[in-house]
């Protein structure tokens, strides 16, 4: 398991509007593509340097492919990264103000202190 890689995925996808739409419409395909093409790029140096060892494990891949922010939080993904990406992808589906954010929080309400470690 790599919290770093989970957070890197969320961070990089959220900063590219085309990737946000791709991930919204084809989550499993986007995760597979990103893992194969982008996961091993050194953050901030796309195409210049690559590592060779980073990959998602099955629970991470499944949680990303299912847009399961609760499972991602349990795996150590930073909640602010998932929240900002979820806002970009799903806020438009809700008509009430803050409805998406309230739903996001409600689904995490069963967690209590100490929260899962989100440090990378």
PDB file of N, CA and C in Angstrom:
ATOM      1  N   UNK A   1       0.846  -1.173   0.000  1.00  0.00           N
ATOM      2  CA  UNK A   1       0.000   0.000   0.000  1.00  0.00           C
ATOM      3  C   UNK A   1       0.892   1.237   0.000  1.00  0.00           C
ATOM      4  N   UNK A   2       0.497   2.230  -0.786  1.00  0.00           N
ATOM      5  CA  UNK A   2       1.256   3.459  -0.864  1.00  0.00           C
ATOM      6  C   UNK A   2       0.331   4.660  -0.722  1.00  0.00           C
ATOM      7  N   UNK A   3       0.319   5.243   0.476  1.00  0.00           N
ATOM      8  CA  UNK A   3      -0.475   6.460   0.664  1.00  0.00           C
ATOM      9  C   UNK A   3       0.038   7.564  -0.250  1.00  0.00           C
ATOM     10  N   UNK A   4       1.343   7.578  -0.456  1.00  0.00           N
ATOM     11  CA  UNK A   4       1.932   8.574  -1.355  1.00  0.00           C
ATOM     12  C   UNK A   4       1.310   8.467  -2.744  1.00  0.00           C
ATOM     13  N   UNK A   5       1.209   7.251  -3.285  1.00  0.00           N
ATOM     14  CA  UNK A   5       0.694   7.074  -4.630  1.00  0.00           C
ATOM     15  C   UNK A   5      -0.794   7.424  -4.707  1.00  0.00           C
ATOM     16  N   UNK A   6      -1.564   7.034  -3.684  1.00  0.00           N
ATOM     17  CA  UNK A   6      -2.978   7.429  -3.651  1.00  0.00           C
ATOM     18  C   UNK A   6      -3.108   8.949  -3.712  1.00  0.00           C
ATOM     19  N   UNK A   7      -2.362   9.622  -2.865  1.00  0.00           N
ATOM     20  CA  UNK A   7      -2.451  11.073  -2.803  1.00  0.00           C
ATOM     21  C   UNK A   7      -1.921  11.722  -4.082  1.00  0.00           C
ATOM     22  N   UNK A   8      -0.896  11.134  -4.674  1.00  0.00           N
ATOM     23  CA  UNK A   8      -0.363  11.645  -5.929  1.00  0.00           C
ATOM     24  C   UNK A   8      -1.420  11.540  -7.031  1.00  0.00           C
ATOM     25  N   UNK A   9      -2.126  10.418  -7.088  1.00  0.00           N
ATOM     26  CA  UNK A   9      -3.206  10.252  -8.064  1.00  0.00           C
ATOM     27  C   UNK A   9      -4.259  11.337  -7.870  1.00  0.00           C
ATOM     28  N   UNK A  10      -4.755  11.468  -6.647  1.00  0.00           N
ATOM     29  CA  UNK A  10      -5.805  12.453  -6.368  1.00  0.00           C
ATOM     30  C   UNK A  10      -5.343  13.867  -6.704  1.00  0.00           C
ATOM     31  N   UNK A  11      -4.115  14.193  -6.327  1.00  0.00           N
ATOM     32  CA  UNK A  11      -3.551  15.522  -6.566  1.00  0.00           C
ATOM     33  C   UNK A  11      -3.429  15.814  -8.055  1.00  0.00           C
ATOM     34  N   UNK A  12      -2.850  14.884  -8.809  1.00  0.00           N
ATOM     35  CA  UNK A  12      -2.608  15.156 -10.224  1.00  0.00           C
ATOM     36  C   UNK A  12      -3.892  15.147 -11.047  1.00  0.00           C
ATOM     37  N   UNK A  13      -4.810  14.247 -10.752  1.00  0.00           N
ATOM     38  CA  UNK A  13      -6.073  14.217 -11.493  1.00  0.00           C
ATOM     39  C   UNK A  13      -6.870  15.493 -11.225  1.00  0.00           C
ATOM     40  N   UNK A  14      -6.909  15.934  -9.972  1.00  0.00           N
ATOM     41  CA  UNK A  14      -7.691  17.119  -9.609  1.00  0.00           C
ATOM     42  C   UNK A  14      -7.193  18.379 -10.308  1.00  0.00           C
ATOM     43  N   UNK A  15      -5.942  18.424 -10.711  1.00  0.00           N
ATOM     44  CA  UNK A  15      -5.375  19.626 -11.307  1.00  0.00           C
ATOM     45  C   UNK A  15      -5.472  19.669 -12.826  1.00  0.00           C
ATOM     46  N   UNK A  16      -6.128  18.687 -13.415  1.00  0.00           N
ATOM     47  CA  UNK A  16      -6.279  18.645 -14.865  1.00  0.00           C
ATOM     48  C   UNK A  16      -7.755  18.432 -15.203  1.00  0.00           C
ATOM     49  N   UNK A  17      -8.440  19.467 -15.702  1.00  0.00           N
ATOM     50  CA  UNK A  17      -9.884  19.338 -15.978  1.00  0.00           C
ATOM     51  C   UNK A  17     -10.232  18.179 -16.909  1.00  0.00           C
ATOM     52  N   UNK A  18      -9.364  17.882 -17.886  1.00  0.00           N
ATOM     53  CA  UNK A  18      -9.635  16.754 -18.774  1.00  0.00           C
ATOM     54  C   UNK A  18      -9.549  15.422 -18.026  1.00  0.00           C
ATOM     55  N   UNK A  19      -8.573  15.309 -17.123  1.00  0.00           N
ATOM     56  CA  UNK A  19      -8.465  14.083 -16.323  1.00  0.00           C
ATOM     57  C   UNK A  19      -9.622  13.955 -15.341  1.00  0.00           C
ATOM     58  N   UNK A  20     -10.087  15.070 -14.797  1.00  0.00           N
ATOM     59  CA  UNK A  20     -11.254  15.034 -13.905  1.00  0.00           C
ATOM     60  C   UNK A  20     -12.437  14.421 -14.650  1.00  0.00           C
ATOM     61  N   UNK A  21     -12.688  14.891 -15.863  1.00  0.00           N
ATOM     62  CA  UNK A  21     -13.815  14.370 -16.644  1.00  0.00           C
ATOM     63  C   UNK A  21     -13.586  12.920 -17.043  1.00  0.00           C
ATOM     64  N   UNK A  22     -12.366  12.594 -17.389  1.00  0.00           N
ATOM     65  CA  UNK A  22     -12.052  11.207 -17.744  1.00  0.00           C
ATOM     66  C   UNK A  22     -12.275  10.290 -16.555  1.00  0.00           C
ATOM     67  N   UNK A  23     -11.809  10.701 -15.378  1.00  0.00           N
ATOM     68  CA  UNK A  23     -11.969   9.891 -14.172  1.00  0.00           C
ATOM     69  C   UNK A  23     -13.439   9.779 -13.780  1.00  0.00           C
ATOM     70  N   UNK A  24     -14.206  10.833 -13.976  1.00  0.00           N
ATOM     71  CA  UNK A  24     -15.638  10.798 -13.666  1.00  0.00           C
ATOM     72  C   UNK A  24     -16.363   9.797 -14.557  1.00  0.00           C
ATOM     73  N   UNK A  25     -16.043   9.796 -15.849  1.00  0.00           N
ATOM     74  CA  UNK A  25     -16.783   8.959 -16.790  1.00  0.00           C
ATOM     75  C   UNK A  25     -16.228   7.535 -16.934  1.00  0.00           C
ATOM     76  N   UNK A  26     -14.941   7.358 -16.701  1.00  0.00           N
ATOM     77  CA  UNK A  26     -14.311   6.041 -16.841  1.00  0.00           C
ATOM     78  C   UNK A  26     -13.296   5.840 -15.719  1.00  0.00           C
ATOM     79  N   UNK A  27     -13.773   5.643 -14.496  1.00  0.00           N
ATOM     80  CA  UNK A  27     -12.831   5.568 -13.376  1.00  0.00           C
ATOM     81  C   UNK A  27     -11.842   4.416 -13.472  1.00  0.00           C
ATOM     82  N   UNK A  28     -12.292   3.222 -13.769  1.00  0.00           N
ATOM     83  CA  UNK A  28     -11.369   2.073 -13.824  1.00  0.00           C
ATOM     84  C   UNK A  28     -10.348   2.250 -14.943  1.00  0.00           C
ATOM     85  N   UNK A  29     -10.793   2.711 -16.102  1.00  0.00           N
ATOM     86  CA  UNK A  29      -9.884   2.934 -17.214  1.00  0.00           C
ATOM     87  C   UNK A  29      -8.869   4.027 -16.912  1.00  0.00           C
ATOM     88  N   UNK A  30      -9.324   5.084 -16.241  1.00  0.00           N
ATOM     89  CA  UNK A  30      -8.416   6.176 -15.887  1.00  0.00           C
ATOM     90  C   UNK A  30      -7.384   5.719 -14.874  1.00  0.00           C
ATOM     91  N   UNK A  31      -7.811   4.949 -13.890  1.00  0.00           N
ATOM     92  CA  UNK A  31      -6.875   4.440 -12.880  1.00  0.00           C
ATOM     93  C   UNK A  31      -5.833   3.543 -13.543  1.00  0.00           C
ATOM     94  N   UNK A  32      -6.272   2.639 -14.411  1.00  0.00           N
ATOM     95  CA  UNK A  32      -5.330   1.739 -15.091  1.00  0.00           C
ATOM     96  C   UNK A  32      -4.363   2.534 -15.960  1.00  0.00           C
ATOM     97  N   UNK A  33      -4.875   3.488 -16.737  1.00  0.00           N
ATOM     98  CA  UNK A  33      -4.008   4.313 -17.588  1.00  0.00           C
ATOM     99  C   UNK A  33      -3.014   5.107 -16.747  1.00  0.00           C
ATOM    100  N   UNK A  34      -3.524   5.762 -15.688  1.00  0.00           N
ATOM    101  CA  UNK A  34      -2.667   6.603 -14.862  1.00  0.00           C
ATOM    102  C   UNK A  34      -1.581   5.771 -14.187  1.00  0.00           C
ATOM    103  N   UNK A  35      -1.956   4.608 -13.702  1.00  0.00           N
ATOM    104  CA  UNK A  35      -0.968   3.744 -13.047  1.00  0.00           C
ATOM    105  C   UNK A  35       0.128   3.326 -14.033  1.00  0.00           C
ATOM    106  N   UNK A  36      -0.248   3.005 -15.255  1.00  0.00           N
ATOM    107  CA  UNK A  36       0.729   2.567 -16.251  1.00  0.00           C
ATOM    108  C   UNK A  36       1.580   3.713 -16.782  1.00  0.00           C
ATOM    109  N   UNK A  37       0.983   4.876 -16.962  1.00  0.00           N
ATOM    110  CA  UNK A  37       1.670   5.977 -17.639  1.00  0.00           C
ATOM    111  C   UNK A  37       2.232   7.055 -16.725  1.00  0.00           C
ATOM    112  N   UNK A  38       1.606   7.282 -15.571  1.00  0.00           N
ATOM    113  CA  UNK A  38       1.959   8.450 -14.757  1.00  0.00           C
ATOM    114  C   UNK A  38       2.451   8.135 -13.350  1.00  0.00           C
ATOM    115  N   UNK A  39       2.122   6.977 -12.837  1.00  0.00           N
ATOM    116  CA  UNK A  39       2.412   6.681 -11.430  1.00  0.00           C
ATOM    117  C   UNK A  39       3.887   6.799 -11.091  1.00  0.00           C
ATOM    118  N   UNK A  40       4.737   6.439 -12.011  1.00  0.00           N
ATOM    119  CA  UNK A  40       6.165   6.426 -11.720  1.00  0.00           C
ATOM    120  C   UNK A  40       6.904   7.678 -12.171  1.00  0.00           C
ATOM    121  N   UNK A  41       6.162   8.669 -12.676  1.00  0.00           N
ATOM    122  CA  UNK A  41       6.808   9.944 -12.980  1.00  0.00           C
ATOM    123  C   UNK A  41       7.119  10.651 -11.670  1.00  0.00           C
ATOM    124  N   UNK A  42       8.240  11.289 -11.615  1.00  0.00           N
ATOM    125  CA  UNK A  42       8.611  12.060 -10.436  1.00  0.00           C
ATOM    126  C   UNK A  42       7.733  13.299 -10.415  1.00  0.00           C
ATOM    127  N   UNK A  43       7.025  13.522  -9.321  1.00  0.00           N
ATOM    128  CA  UNK A  43       6.094  14.641  -9.213  1.00  0.00           C
ATOM    129  C   UNK A  43       6.807  15.942  -9.537  1.00  0.00           C
ATOM    130  N   UNK A  44       6.256  16.684 -10.458  1.00  0.00           N
ATOM    131  CA  UNK A  44       6.853  17.939 -10.874  1.00  0.00           C
ATOM    132  C   UNK A  44       7.792  17.813 -12.059  1.00  0.00           C
ATOM    133  N   UNK A  45       8.097  16.587 -12.475  1.00  0.00           N
ATOM    134  CA  UNK A  45       9.020  16.372 -13.597  1.00  0.00           C
ATOM    135  C   UNK A  45       8.417  15.398 -14.610  1.00  0.00           C
ATOM    136  N   UNK A  46       7.176  15.618 -15.052  1.00  0.00           N
ATOM    137  CA  UNK A  46       6.582  14.635 -15.963  1.00  0.00           C
ATOM    138  C   UNK A  46       7.403  14.467 -17.229  1.00  0.00           C
ATOM    139  N   UNK A  47       7.648  13.210 -17.569  1.00  0.00           N
ATOM    140  CA  UNK A  47       8.384  12.882 -18.778  1.00  0.00           C
ATOM    141  C   UNK A  47       9.889  12.994 -18.655  1.00  0.00           C
ATOM    142  N   UNK A  48      10.383  13.561 -17.571  1.00  0.00           N
ATOM    143  CA  UNK A  48      11.823  13.759 -17.438  1.00  0.00           C
ATOM    144  C   UNK A  48      12.503  12.653 -16.654  1.00  0.00           C
ATOM    145  N   UNK A  49      11.891  12.256 -15.555  1.00  0.00           N
ATOM    146  CA  UNK A  49      12.469  11.211 -14.723  1.00  0.00           C
ATOM    147  C   UNK A  49      11.367  10.257 -14.312  1.00  0.00           C
ATOM    148  N   UNK A  50      11.706   8.999 -14.158  1.00  0.00           N
ATOM    149  CA  UNK A  50      10.728   8.004 -13.713  1.00  0.00           C
ATOM    150  C   UNK A  50      11.376   7.066 -12.709  1.00  0.00           C
ATOM    151  N   UNK A  51      10.547   6.629 -11.762  1.00  0.00           N
ATOM    152  CA  UNK A  51      10.958   5.532 -10.903  1.00  0.00           C
ATOM    153  C   UNK A  51      10.387   4.264 -11.530  1.00  0.00           C
ATOM    154  N   UNK A  52      10.543   3.145 -10.888  1.00  0.00           N
ATOM    155  CA  UNK A  52      10.070   1.894 -11.496  1.00  0.00           C
ATOM    156  C   UNK A  52       9.258   1.023 -10.551  1.00  0.00           C
ATOM    157  N   UNK A  53       9.020   1.452  -9.341  1.00  0.00           N
ATOM    158  CA  UNK A  53       8.482   0.523  -8.356  1.00  0.00           C
ATOM    159  C   UNK A  53       7.081   0.849  -7.847  1.00  0.00           C
ATOM    160  N   UNK A  54       6.507   1.988  -8.191  1.00  0.00           N
ATOM    161  CA  UNK A  54       5.218   2.370  -7.627  1.00  0.00           C
ATOM    162  C   UNK A  54       4.054   1.745  -8.387  1.00  0.00           C
ATOM    163  N   UNK A  55       3.126   1.164  -7.632  1.00  0.00           N
ATOM    164  CA  UNK A  55       1.881   0.657  -8.208  1.00  0.00           C
ATOM    165  C   UNK A  55       0.852   0.560  -7.087  1.00  0.00           C
ATOM    166  N   UNK A  56      -0.411   0.589  -7.477  1.00  0.00           N
ATOM    167  CA  UNK A  56      -1.488   0.430  -6.510  1.00  0.00           C
ATOM    168  C   UNK A  56      -1.629  -1.034  -6.138  1.00  0.00           C
ATOM    169  N   UNK A  57      -2.076  -1.303  -4.899  1.00  0.00           N
ATOM    170  CA  UNK A  57      -2.459  -2.667  -4.580  1.00  0.00           C
ATOM    171  C   UNK A  57      -3.958  -2.797  -4.893  1.00  0.00           C
ATOM    172  N   UNK A  58      -4.485  -3.997  -4.785  1.00  0.00           N
ATOM    173  CA  UNK A  58      -5.868  -4.236  -5.213  1.00  0.00           C
ATOM    174  C   UNK A  58      -6.900  -3.402  -4.440  1.00  0.00           C
ATOM    175  N   UNK A  59      -6.811  -3.273  -3.105  1.00  0.00           N
ATOM    176  CA  UNK A  59      -7.799  -2.427  -2.413  1.00  0.00           C
ATOM    177  C   UNK A  59      -7.744  -0.965  -2.869  1.00  0.00           C
ATOM    178  N   UNK A  60      -6.558  -0.447  -3.124  1.00  0.00           N
ATOM    179  CA  UNK A  60      -6.434   0.938  -3.601  1.00  0.00           C
ATOM    180  C   UNK A  60      -7.045   1.076  -4.992  1.00  0.00           C
ATOM    181  N   UNK A  61      -6.691   0.161  -5.873  1.00  0.00           N
ATOM    182  CA  UNK A  61      -7.203   0.191  -7.241  1.00  0.00           C
ATOM    183  C   UNK A  61      -8.729   0.114  -7.247  1.00  0.00           C
ATOM    184  N   UNK A  62      -9.285  -0.761  -6.424  1.00  0.00           N
ATOM    185  CA  UNK A  62     -10.741  -0.935  -6.354  1.00  0.00           C
ATOM    186  C   UNK A  62     -11.410   0.326  -5.812  1.00  0.00           C
ATOM    187  N   UNK A  63     -10.868   0.900  -4.726  1.00  0.00           N
ATOM    188  CA  UNK A  63     -11.460   2.099  -4.142  1.00  0.00           C
ATOM    189  C   UNK A  63     -11.433   3.263  -5.125  1.00  0.00           C
ATOM    190  N   UNK A  64     -10.339   3.407  -5.851  1.00  0.00           N
ATOM    191  CA  UNK A  64     -10.255   4.468  -6.863  1.00  0.00           C
ATOM    192  C   UNK A  64     -11.241   4.212  -8.001  1.00  0.00           C
ATOM    193  N   UNK A  65     -11.307   2.976  -8.469  1.00  0.00           N
ATOM    194  CA  UNK A  65     -12.187   2.635  -9.582  1.00  0.00           C
ATOM    195  C   UNK A  65     -13.660   2.768  -9.208  1.00  0.00           C
ATOM    196  N   UNK A  66     -13.979   2.604  -7.935  1.00  0.00           N
ATOM    197  CA  UNK A  66     -15.373   2.708  -7.480  1.00  0.00           C
ATOM    198  C   UNK A  66     -15.717   4.086  -6.932  1.00  0.00           C
ATOM    199  N   UNK A  67     -14.789   5.036  -7.031  1.00  0.00           N
ATOM    200  CA  UNK A  67     -14.995   6.376  -6.447  1.00  0.00           C
ATOM    201  C   UNK A  67     -15.417   6.258  -4.989  1.00  0.00           C
ATOM    202  N   UNK A  68     -14.769   5.399  -4.239  1.00  0.00           N
ATOM    203  CA  UNK A  68     -15.137   5.121  -2.844  1.00  0.00           C
ATOM    204  C   UNK A  68     -14.256   5.935  -1.897  1.00  0.00           C
ATOM    205  N   UNK A  69     -14.708   7.171  -1.607  1.00  0.00           N
ATOM    206  CA  UNK A  69     -13.881   8.041  -0.764  1.00  0.00           C
ATOM    207  C   UNK A  69     -13.770   7.538   0.669  1.00  0.00           C
ATOM    208  N   UNK A  70     -14.734   6.778   1.138  1.00  0.00           N
ATOM    209  CA  UNK A  70     -14.657   6.225   2.489  1.00  0.00           C
ATOM    210  C   UNK A  70     -13.534   5.187   2.561  1.00  0.00           C
ATOM    211  N   UNK A  71     -13.487   4.298   1.587  1.00  0.00           N
ATOM    212  CA  UNK A  71     -12.404   3.307   1.552  1.00  0.00           C
ATOM    213  C   UNK A  71     -11.054   3.996   1.360  1.00  0.00           C
ATOM    214  N   UNK A  72     -11.005   5.021   0.517  1.00  0.00           N
ATOM    215  CA  UNK A  72      -9.754   5.747   0.307  1.00  0.00           C
ATOM    216  C   UNK A  72      -9.271   6.378   1.606  1.00  0.00           C
ATOM    217  N   UNK A  73     -10.174   6.974   2.377  1.00  0.00           N
ATOM    218  CA  UNK A  73      -9.810   7.558   3.663  1.00  0.00           C
ATOM    219  C   UNK A  73      -9.254   6.485   4.589  1.00  0.00           C
ATOM    220  N   UNK A  74      -9.914   5.338   4.624  1.00  0.00           N
ATOM    221  CA  UNK A  74      -9.438   4.236   5.446  1.00  0.00           C
ATOM    222  C   UNK A  74      -8.070   3.732   5.027  1.00  0.00           C
ATOM    223  N   UNK A  75      -7.743   3.889   3.749  1.00  0.00           N
ATOM    224  CA  UNK A  75      -6.440   3.474   3.236  1.00  0.00           C
ATOM    225  C   UNK A  75      -5.363   4.536   3.429  1.00  0.00           C
ATOM    226  N   UNK A  76      -5.765   5.712   3.913  1.00  0.00           N
ATOM    227  CA  UNK A  76      -4.790   6.757   4.196  1.00  0.00           C
ATOM    228  C   UNK A  76      -4.758   7.907   3.213  1.00  0.00           C
ATOM    229  N   UNK A  77      -5.694   7.947   2.257  1.00  0.00           N
ATOM    230  CA  UNK A  77      -5.747   9.083   1.343  1.00  0.00           C
ATOM    231  C   UNK A  77      -6.158  10.324   2.126  1.00  0.00           C
ATOM    232  N   UNK A  78      -5.562  11.447   1.791  1.00  0.00           N
ATOM    233  CA  UNK A  78      -5.863  12.678   2.516  1.00  0.00           C
ATOM    234  C   UNK A  78      -7.279  13.131   2.176  1.00  0.00           C
ATOM    235  N   UNK A  79      -8.114  13.402   3.194  1.00  0.00           N
ATOM    236  CA  UNK A  79      -9.512  13.764   2.923  1.00  0.00           C
ATOM    237  C   UNK A  79      -9.667  15.071   2.155  1.00  0.00           C
ATOM    238  N   UNK A  80      -8.749  16.007   2.269  1.00  0.00           N
ATOM    239  CA  UNK A  80      -8.865  17.245   1.508  1.00  0.00           C
ATOM    240  C   UNK A  80      -8.633  16.994   0.020  1.00  0.00           C
ATOM    241  N   UNK A  81      -7.751  16.046  -0.301  1.00  0.00           N
ATOM    242  CA  UNK A  81      -7.525  15.722  -1.706  1.00  0.00           C
ATOM    243  C   UNK A  81      -8.743  15.036  -2.312  1.00  0.00           C
ATOM    244  N   UNK A  82      -9.334  14.095  -1.576  1.00  0.00           N
ATOM    245  CA  UNK A  82     -10.539  13.453  -2.112  1.00  0.00           C
ATOM    246  C   UNK A  82     -11.678  14.458  -2.178  1.00  0.00           C
ATOM    247  N   UNK A  83     -11.820  15.298  -1.169  1.00  0.00           N
ATOM    248  CA  UNK A  83     -12.920  16.267  -1.171  1.00  0.00           C
ATOM    249  C   UNK A  83     -12.834  17.214  -2.356  1.00  0.00           C
ATOM    250  N   UNK A  84     -11.665  17.776  -2.627  1.00  0.00           N
ATOM    251  CA  UNK A  84     -11.576  18.725  -3.737  1.00  0.00           C
ATOM    252  C   UNK A  84     -11.832  18.041  -5.072  1.00  0.00           C
ATOM    253  N   UNK A  85     -11.361  16.808  -5.224  1.00  0.00           N
ATOM    254  CA  UNK A  85     -11.626  16.082  -6.468  1.00  0.00           C
ATOM    255  C   UNK A  85     -13.103  15.714  -6.575  1.00  0.00           C
ATOM    256  N   UNK A  86     -13.699  15.289  -5.471  1.00  0.00           N
ATOM    257  CA  UNK A  86     -15.122  14.929  -5.489  1.00  0.00           C
ATOM    258  C   UNK A  86     -15.983  16.165  -5.793  1.00  0.00           C
ATOM    259  N   UNK A  87     -15.596  17.317  -5.292  1.00  0.00           N
ATOM    260  CA  UNK A  87     -16.326  18.542  -5.615  1.00  0.00           C
ATOM    261  C   UNK A  87     -16.283  18.774  -7.125  1.00  0.00           C
ATOM    262  N   UNK A  88     -15.097  18.647  -7.717  1.00  0.00           N
ATOM    263  CA  UNK A  88     -14.962  18.847  -9.158  1.00  0.00           C
ATOM    264  C   UNK A  88     -15.790  17.846  -9.954  1.00  0.00           C
ATOM    265  N   UNK A  89     -15.900  16.615  -9.453  1.00  0.00           N
ATOM    266  CA  UNK A  89     -16.599  15.578 -10.210  1.00  0.00           C
ATOM    267  C   UNK A  89     -18.091  15.507  -9.923  1.00  0.00           C
ATOM    268  N   UNK A  90     -18.489  15.715  -8.670  1.00  0.00           N
ATOM    269  CA  UNK A  90     -19.861  15.368  -8.289  1.00  0.00           C
ATOM    270  C   UNK A  90     -20.732  16.508  -7.778  1.00  0.00           C
ATOM    271  N   UNK A  91     -20.164  17.662  -7.493  1.00  0.00           N
ATOM    272  CA  UNK A  91     -20.993  18.745  -6.961  1.00  0.00           C
ATOM    273  C   UNK A  91     -22.093  19.120  -7.953  1.00  0.00           C
ATOM    274  N   UNK A  92     -21.825  19.045  -9.222  1.00  0.00           N
ATOM    275  CA  UNK A  92     -22.800  19.405 -10.256  1.00  0.00           C
ATOM    276  C   UNK A  92     -24.035  18.505 -10.253  1.00  0.00           C
ATOM    277  N   UNK A  93     -23.916  17.324  -9.639  1.00  0.00           N
ATOM    278  CA  UNK A  93     -25.039  16.388  -9.597  1.00  0.00           C
ATOM    279  C   UNK A  93     -26.042  16.709  -8.488  1.00  0.00           C
ATOM    280  N   UNK A  94     -25.727  17.684  -7.642  1.00  0.00           N
ATOM    281  CA  UNK A  94     -26.584  18.037  -6.508  1.00  0.00           C
ATOM    282  C   UNK A  94     -27.164  19.429  -6.721  1.00  0.00           C
ATOM    283  N   UNK A  95     -28.447  19.575  -6.404  1.00  0.00           N
ATOM    284  CA  UNK A  95     -29.104  20.874  -6.611  1.00  0.00           C
ATOM    285  C   UNK A  95     -29.068  21.752  -5.365  1.00  0.00           C
ATOM    286  N   UNK A  96     -29.001  21.163  -4.201  1.00  0.00           N
ATOM    287  CA  UNK A  96     -28.974  21.941  -2.959  1.00  0.00           C
ATOM    288  C   UNK A  96     -27.557  22.401  -2.642  1.00  0.00           C
ATOM    289  N   UNK A  97     -27.410  23.608  -2.104  1.00  0.00           N
ATOM    290  CA  UNK A  97     -26.068  24.078  -1.724  1.00  0.00           C
ATOM    291  C   UNK A  97     -25.427  23.144  -0.691  1.00  0.00           C
ATOM    292  N   UNK A  98     -24.191  22.830  -0.887  1.00  0.00           N
ATOM    293  CA  UNK A  98     -23.375  21.985  -0.009  1.00  0.00           C
ATOM    294  C   UNK A  98     -23.890  20.551   0.141  1.00  0.00           C
ATOM    295  N   UNK A  99     -24.841  20.141  -0.679  1.00  0.00           N
ATOM    296  CA  UNK A  99     -25.394  18.789  -0.554  1.00  0.00           C
ATOM    297  C   UNK A  99     -24.326  17.724  -0.761  1.00  0.00           C
ATOM    298  N   UNK A 100     -23.457  17.929  -1.740  1.00  0.00           N
ATOM    299  CA  UNK A 100     -22.403  16.947  -1.999  1.00  0.00           C
ATOM    300  C   UNK A 100     -21.444  16.874  -0.822  1.00  0.00           C
ATOM    301  N   UNK A 101     -21.045  18.030  -0.292  1.00  0.00           N
ATOM    302  CA  UNK A 101     -20.104  18.058   0.811  1.00  0.00           C
ATOM    303  C   UNK A 101     -20.717  17.433   2.072  1.00  0.00           C
ATOM    304  N   UNK A 102     -21.996  17.695   2.319  1.00  0.00           N
ATOM    305  CA  UNK A 102     -22.661  17.101   3.480  1.00  0.00           C
ATOM    306  C   UNK A 102     -22.761  15.589   3.339  1.00  0.00           C
ATOM    307  N   UNK A 103     -23.049  15.112   2.129  1.00  0.00           N
ATOM    308  CA  UNK A 103     -23.096  13.675   1.882  1.00  0.00           C
ATOM    309  C   UNK A 103     -21.711  13.053   2.060  1.00  0.00           C
ATOM    310  N   UNK A 104     -20.693  13.729   1.554  1.00  0.00           N
ATOM    311  CA  UNK A 104     -19.309  13.274   1.708  1.00  0.00           C
ATOM    312  C   UNK A 104     -18.983  13.095   3.192  1.00  0.00           C
ATOM    313  N   UNK A 105     -19.297  14.114   3.993  1.00  0.00           N
ATOM    314  CA  UNK A 105     -19.018  14.056   5.426  1.00  0.00           C
ATOM    315  C   UNK A 105     -19.839  13.009   6.150  1.00  0.00           C
ATOM    316  N   UNK A 106     -21.105  12.884   5.784  1.00  0.00           N
ATOM    317  CA  UNK A 106     -21.980  11.913   6.440  1.00  0.00           C
ATOM    318  C   UNK A 106     -21.477  10.483   6.243  1.00  0.00           C
ATOM    319  N   UNK A 107     -20.932  10.213   5.062  1.00  0.00           N
ATOM    320  CA  UNK A 107     -20.421   8.865   4.793  1.00  0.00           C
ATOM    321  C   UNK A 107     -19.150   8.556   5.581  1.00  0.00           C
ATOM    322  N   UNK A 108     -18.488   9.591   6.092  1.00  0.00           N
ATOM    323  CA  UNK A 108     -17.295   9.406   6.922  1.00  0.00           C
ATOM    324  C   UNK A 108     -17.600   9.520   8.417  1.00  0.00           C
ATOM    325  N   UNK A 109     -18.856   9.769   8.762  1.00  0.00           N
ATOM    326  CA  UNK A 109     -19.229  10.055  10.150  1.00  0.00           C
ATOM    327  C   UNK A 109     -18.947   8.902  11.107  1.00  0.00           C
ATOM    328  N   UNK A 110     -18.871   7.689  10.612  1.00  0.00           N
ATOM    329  CA  UNK A 110     -18.624   6.549  11.497  1.00  0.00           C
ATOM    330  C   UNK A 110     -17.189   6.507  12.009  1.00  0.00           C
ATOM    331  N   UNK A 111     -16.291   7.292  11.421  1.00  0.00           N
ATOM    332  CA  UNK A 111     -14.924   7.358  11.920  1.00  0.00           C
ATOM    333  C   UNK A 111     -14.862   8.232  13.161  1.00  0.00           C
ATOM    334  N   UNK A 112     -14.062   7.826  14.112  1.00  0.00           N
ATOM    335  CA  UNK A 112     -13.828   8.637  15.301  1.00  0.00           C
ATOM    336  C   UNK A 112     -12.320   8.695  15.533  1.00  0.00           C
ATOM    337  N   UNK A 113     -11.922   9.573  16.411  1.00  0.00           N
ATOM    338  CA  UNK A 113     -10.500   9.696  16.721  1.00  0.00           C
ATOM    339  C   UNK A 113      -9.979   8.420  17.370  1.00  0.00           C
ATOM    340  N   UNK A 114      -8.807   8.004  17.111  1.00  0.00           N
ATOM    341  CA  UNK A 114      -7.872   8.592  16.153  1.00  0.00           C
ATOM    342  C   UNK A 114      -8.243   8.176  14.741  1.00  0.00           C
ATOM    343  N   UNK A 115      -8.199   9.118  13.803  1.00  0.00           N
ATOM    344  CA  UNK A 115      -8.477   8.839  12.406  1.00  0.00           C
ATOM    345  C   UNK A 115      -7.349   7.999  11.816  1.00  0.00           C
ATOM    346  N   UNK A 116      -7.614   7.372  10.670  1.00  0.00           N
ATOM    347  CA  UNK A 116      -6.525   6.655   9.992  1.00  0.00           C
ATOM    348  C   UNK A 116      -5.373   7.634   9.698  1.00  0.00           C
ATOM    349  N   UNK A 117      -4.182   7.117   9.731  1.00  0.00           N
ATOM    350  CA  UNK A 117      -3.002   7.932   9.471  1.00  0.00           C
ATOM    351  C   UNK A 117      -2.993   8.378   8.018  1.00  0.00           C
ATOM    352  N   UNK A 118      -2.952   9.696   7.785  1.00  0.00           N
ATOM    353  CA  UNK A 118      -2.909  10.217   6.444  1.00  0.00           C
ATOM    354  C   UNK A 118      -1.543  10.762   6.073  1.00  0.00           C
ATOM    355  N   UNK A 119      -0.571  10.589   6.965  1.00  0.00           N
ATOM    356  CA  UNK A 119       0.787  11.045   6.672  1.00  0.00           C
ATOM    357  C   UNK A 119       1.430  10.188   5.611  1.00  0.00           C
ATOM    358  N   UNK A 120       2.244  10.812   4.748  1.00  0.00           N
ATOM    359  CA  UNK A 120       2.906  10.018   3.711  1.00  0.00           C
ATOM    360  C   UNK A 120       4.391   9.914   3.963  1.00  0.00           C
TER     361      UNK A 120
END
